């Protein structure tokens, strides 16, 4: 089985693999055998969920923002829910 993880270090990628296999397949750590680990260059990435993060112009929009109310307009209890779509 071939797996790719987007992490900052090799140790973090191994830990992410253990967590992923434990969560998806309920595999205990003693049942997982790691054959080889390596840092993969961006040109040789195979998985599409990792390739989408290789773009330098990637943006992460914040769709649900709660606007802060000024202190003079703020009340302890409010009868309506906040509007998060702008």
N, C-alpha and C. Protein backbone atom coordinates (compact mmCIF):
# COMPACT_ATOMS: atom_id res chain seq x y z
N UNK A 1 0.85 -1.17 0.00
CA UNK A 1 0.00 0.00 0.00
C UNK A 1 0.90 1.24 0.00
N UNK A 2 0.58 2.19 -0.83
CA UNK A 2 1.36 3.43 -0.95
C UNK A 2 0.57 4.56 -0.32
N UNK A 3 1.20 5.32 0.57
CA UNK A 3 0.53 6.43 1.25
C UNK A 3 1.39 7.68 1.14
N UNK A 4 0.73 8.82 1.00
CA UNK A 4 1.41 10.12 1.04
C UNK A 4 0.76 10.96 2.13
N UNK A 5 1.60 11.64 2.90
CA UNK A 5 1.10 12.52 3.95
C UNK A 5 1.80 13.86 3.82
N UNK A 6 1.05 14.91 4.05
CA UNK A 6 1.59 16.26 3.97
C UNK A 6 1.87 16.74 5.40
N UNK A 7 3.10 16.60 5.82
CA UNK A 7 3.51 16.96 7.17
C UNK A 7 4.83 17.73 7.09
N UNK A 8 5.22 18.32 8.22
CA UNK A 8 6.44 19.12 8.24
C UNK A 8 7.70 18.29 8.47
N UNK A 9 7.56 17.12 9.05
CA UNK A 9 8.73 16.28 9.28
C UNK A 9 8.36 14.83 9.00
N UNK A 10 9.39 13.99 8.90
CA UNK A 10 9.18 12.58 8.64
C UNK A 10 8.52 11.90 9.84
N UNK A 11 8.92 12.32 11.04
CA UNK A 11 8.31 11.74 12.25
C UNK A 11 6.83 12.09 12.34
N UNK A 12 6.46 13.31 11.98
CA UNK A 12 5.06 13.71 12.01
C UNK A 12 4.26 12.94 10.96
N UNK A 13 4.87 12.64 9.82
CA UNK A 13 4.19 11.88 8.78
C UNK A 13 3.95 10.44 9.23
N UNK A 14 4.92 9.85 9.93
CA UNK A 14 4.75 8.48 10.44
C UNK A 14 3.64 8.46 11.49
N UNK A 15 3.63 9.45 12.37
CA UNK A 15 2.57 9.52 13.38
C UNK A 15 1.20 9.72 12.73
N UNK A 16 1.13 10.54 11.67
CA UNK A 16 -0.13 10.74 10.95
C UNK A 16 -0.58 9.43 10.29
N UNK A 17 0.37 8.63 9.80
CA UNK A 17 0.02 7.36 9.20
C UNK A 17 -0.55 6.39 10.24
N UNK A 18 0.08 6.33 11.40
CA UNK A 18 -0.44 5.47 12.47
C UNK A 18 -1.85 5.91 12.87
N UNK A 19 -2.06 7.21 13.02
CA UNK A 19 -3.38 7.72 13.39
C UNK A 19 -4.41 7.44 12.31
N UNK A 20 -4.02 7.60 11.05
CA UNK A 20 -4.93 7.37 9.93
C UNK A 20 -5.35 5.90 9.85
N UNK A 21 -4.39 4.99 9.95
CA UNK A 21 -4.70 3.57 9.87
C UNK A 21 -5.47 3.09 11.10
N UNK A 22 -5.19 3.68 12.25
CA UNK A 22 -5.94 3.31 13.45
C UNK A 22 -7.38 3.81 13.35
N UNK A 23 -7.58 4.98 12.77
CA UNK A 23 -8.92 5.54 12.65
C UNK A 23 -9.75 4.89 11.57
N UNK A 24 -9.16 4.62 10.42
CA UNK A 24 -9.92 4.07 9.30
C UNK A 24 -10.07 2.56 9.36
N UNK A 25 -9.00 1.86 9.76
CA UNK A 25 -9.00 0.39 9.70
C UNK A 25 -8.91 -0.27 11.07
N UNK A 26 -8.86 0.51 12.13
CA UNK A 26 -8.71 0.00 13.49
C UNK A 26 -7.47 -0.89 13.61
N UNK A 27 -6.40 -0.49 12.93
CA UNK A 27 -5.16 -1.27 12.97
C UNK A 27 -4.32 -0.82 14.16
N UNK A 28 -3.88 -1.75 15.00
CA UNK A 28 -3.00 -1.37 16.11
C UNK A 28 -1.60 -1.08 15.59
N UNK A 29 -0.83 -0.26 16.28
CA UNK A 29 0.52 0.07 15.80
C UNK A 29 1.42 -1.16 15.62
N UNK A 30 1.24 -2.19 16.43
CA UNK A 30 2.08 -3.39 16.28
C UNK A 30 1.73 -4.18 15.03
N UNK A 31 0.58 -3.90 14.43
CA UNK A 31 0.18 -4.59 13.22
C UNK A 31 0.56 -3.86 11.94
N UNK A 32 1.24 -2.73 12.06
CA UNK A 32 1.63 -1.93 10.90
C UNK A 32 3.13 -2.08 10.69
N UNK A 33 3.54 -2.45 9.49
CA UNK A 33 4.96 -2.56 9.16
C UNK A 33 5.31 -1.50 8.13
N UNK A 34 6.24 -0.65 8.49
CA UNK A 34 6.70 0.42 7.58
C UNK A 34 7.93 -0.10 6.85
N UNK A 35 7.84 -0.16 5.54
CA UNK A 35 8.95 -0.67 4.73
C UNK A 35 9.95 0.44 4.43
N UNK A 36 9.45 1.60 4.01
CA UNK A 36 10.35 2.68 3.60
C UNK A 36 9.66 4.02 3.80
N UNK A 37 10.42 5.02 4.20
CA UNK A 37 9.92 6.40 4.28
C UNK A 37 10.86 7.30 3.50
N UNK A 38 10.31 8.32 2.89
CA UNK A 38 11.12 9.26 2.11
C UNK A 38 10.34 10.55 1.92
N UNK A 39 11.09 11.64 1.76
CA UNK A 39 10.47 12.90 1.39
C UNK A 39 10.30 12.91 -0.12
N UNK A 40 9.11 13.25 -0.57
CA UNK A 40 8.79 13.21 -2.00
C UNK A 40 8.87 14.62 -2.57
N UNK A 41 9.53 14.74 -3.70
CA UNK A 41 9.61 16.04 -4.37
C UNK A 41 8.25 16.40 -4.97
N UNK A 42 7.94 17.68 -5.10
CA UNK A 42 6.62 18.07 -5.63
C UNK A 42 6.31 17.52 -7.02
N UNK A 43 7.34 17.29 -7.84
CA UNK A 43 7.11 16.79 -9.20
C UNK A 43 6.65 15.33 -9.19
N UNK A 44 7.00 14.57 -8.16
CA UNK A 44 6.69 13.15 -8.16
C UNK A 44 5.54 12.78 -7.22
N UNK A 45 4.74 13.76 -6.82
CA UNK A 45 3.58 13.47 -5.97
C UNK A 45 2.51 12.80 -6.83
N UNK A 46 1.91 11.73 -6.30
CA UNK A 46 0.94 10.96 -7.07
C UNK A 46 -0.51 11.25 -6.68
N UNK A 47 -0.78 11.51 -5.43
CA UNK A 47 -2.15 11.63 -4.94
C UNK A 47 -2.73 13.02 -5.20
N UNK A 48 -3.96 13.09 -5.73
CA UNK A 48 -4.55 14.39 -6.05
C UNK A 48 -4.86 15.25 -4.82
N UNK A 49 -5.13 14.62 -3.66
CA UNK A 49 -5.41 15.42 -2.48
C UNK A 49 -4.15 16.08 -1.92
N UNK A 50 -2.97 15.64 -2.33
CA UNK A 50 -1.72 16.30 -1.96
C UNK A 50 -1.32 17.30 -3.06
N UNK A 51 -1.62 16.98 -4.31
CA UNK A 51 -1.26 17.85 -5.43
C UNK A 51 -1.97 19.20 -5.36
N UNK A 52 -3.17 19.23 -4.81
CA UNK A 52 -3.90 20.50 -4.78
C UNK A 52 -3.26 21.51 -3.85
N UNK A 53 -2.40 21.09 -2.92
CA UNK A 53 -1.73 22.02 -2.02
C UNK A 53 -0.38 22.49 -2.55
N UNK A 54 0.05 22.03 -3.72
CA UNK A 54 1.35 22.40 -4.27
C UNK A 54 1.33 23.74 -4.99
N UNK A 55 0.15 24.27 -5.28
CA UNK A 55 0.03 25.55 -5.97
C UNK A 55 0.48 26.68 -5.05
N UNK A 56 1.31 27.60 -5.55
CA UNK A 56 1.80 28.70 -4.73
C UNK A 56 0.72 29.75 -4.46
N UNK A 57 -0.28 29.84 -5.31
CA UNK A 57 -1.33 30.85 -5.17
C UNK A 57 -2.57 30.30 -4.48
N UNK A 58 -2.41 29.30 -3.65
CA UNK A 58 -3.56 28.69 -2.98
C UNK A 58 -4.10 29.67 -1.93
N UNK A 59 -5.42 29.71 -1.81
CA UNK A 59 -6.07 30.59 -0.86
C UNK A 59 -7.01 29.78 0.00
N UNK A 60 -7.13 30.17 1.24
CA UNK A 60 -8.04 29.52 2.17
C UNK A 60 -9.06 30.56 2.63
N UNK A 61 -10.21 30.64 1.97
CA UNK A 61 -11.20 31.64 2.35
C UNK A 61 -11.82 31.32 3.71
N UNK A 62 -12.27 32.36 4.38
CA UNK A 62 -12.93 32.21 5.67
C UNK A 62 -14.42 32.49 5.46
N UNK A 63 -15.21 31.46 5.18
CA UNK A 63 -16.61 31.68 4.81
C UNK A 63 -17.52 32.08 5.97
N UNK A 64 -17.25 31.64 7.18
CA UNK A 64 -18.14 31.91 8.31
C UNK A 64 -17.44 32.83 9.31
N UNK A 65 -17.56 34.10 9.11
CA UNK A 65 -16.93 35.06 10.00
C UNK A 65 -18.00 35.68 10.90
N UNK A 66 -17.70 35.82 12.15
CA UNK A 66 -18.60 36.48 13.09
C UNK A 66 -18.02 37.87 13.36
N UNK A 67 -18.79 38.88 13.03
CA UNK A 67 -18.32 40.25 13.21
C UNK A 67 -18.36 40.62 14.69
N UNK A 68 -17.33 41.33 15.14
CA UNK A 68 -17.27 41.77 16.53
C UNK A 68 -18.14 43.02 16.69
N UNK A 69 -18.86 43.07 17.78
CA UNK A 69 -19.74 44.20 18.06
C UNK A 69 -19.00 45.15 18.99
N UNK A 70 -19.15 46.45 18.73
CA UNK A 70 -18.51 47.42 19.62
C UNK A 70 -19.09 47.31 21.02
N UNK A 71 -18.30 47.72 21.99
CA UNK A 71 -18.67 47.57 23.40
C UNK A 71 -19.97 48.31 23.73
N UNK A 72 -20.18 49.50 23.14
CA UNK A 72 -21.37 50.28 23.48
C UNK A 72 -22.66 49.67 22.92
N UNK A 73 -22.55 48.80 21.88
CA UNK A 73 -23.73 48.15 21.32
C UNK A 73 -23.92 46.72 21.85
N UNK A 74 -23.00 46.24 22.63
CA UNK A 74 -23.02 44.87 23.09
C UNK A 74 -23.98 44.69 24.27
N UNK A 75 -24.75 43.59 24.25
CA UNK A 75 -25.62 43.26 25.36
C UNK A 75 -25.24 41.88 25.91
N UNK A 76 -25.65 41.60 27.11
CA UNK A 76 -25.31 40.32 27.71
C UNK A 76 -26.06 39.18 27.04
N UNK A 77 -27.35 39.37 26.81
CA UNK A 77 -28.16 38.34 26.16
C UNK A 77 -28.76 38.92 24.89
N UNK A 78 -28.69 38.16 23.80
CA UNK A 78 -29.20 38.62 22.50
C UNK A 78 -30.28 37.66 22.03
N UNK A 79 -31.36 38.20 21.48
CA UNK A 79 -32.51 37.40 21.09
C UNK A 79 -32.40 36.84 19.68
N UNK A 80 -31.35 37.17 18.92
CA UNK A 80 -31.21 36.63 17.58
C UNK A 80 -29.80 36.08 17.38
N UNK A 81 -29.70 35.15 16.49
CA UNK A 81 -28.42 34.53 16.21
C UNK A 81 -27.56 35.45 15.37
N UNK A 82 -26.22 35.33 15.45
CA UNK A 82 -25.36 36.19 14.65
C UNK A 82 -25.41 35.79 13.18
N UNK A 83 -25.24 36.76 12.31
CA UNK A 83 -25.19 36.55 10.87
C UNK A 83 -23.74 36.25 10.49
N UNK A 84 -23.46 35.08 9.93
CA UNK A 84 -22.08 34.72 9.59
C UNK A 84 -21.81 34.72 8.09
N UNK A 85 -22.78 35.04 7.26
CA UNK A 85 -22.59 35.09 5.81
C UNK A 85 -22.54 36.52 5.36
N UNK A 86 -21.41 36.94 4.77
CA UNK A 86 -21.27 38.32 4.31
C UNK A 86 -20.95 38.34 2.84
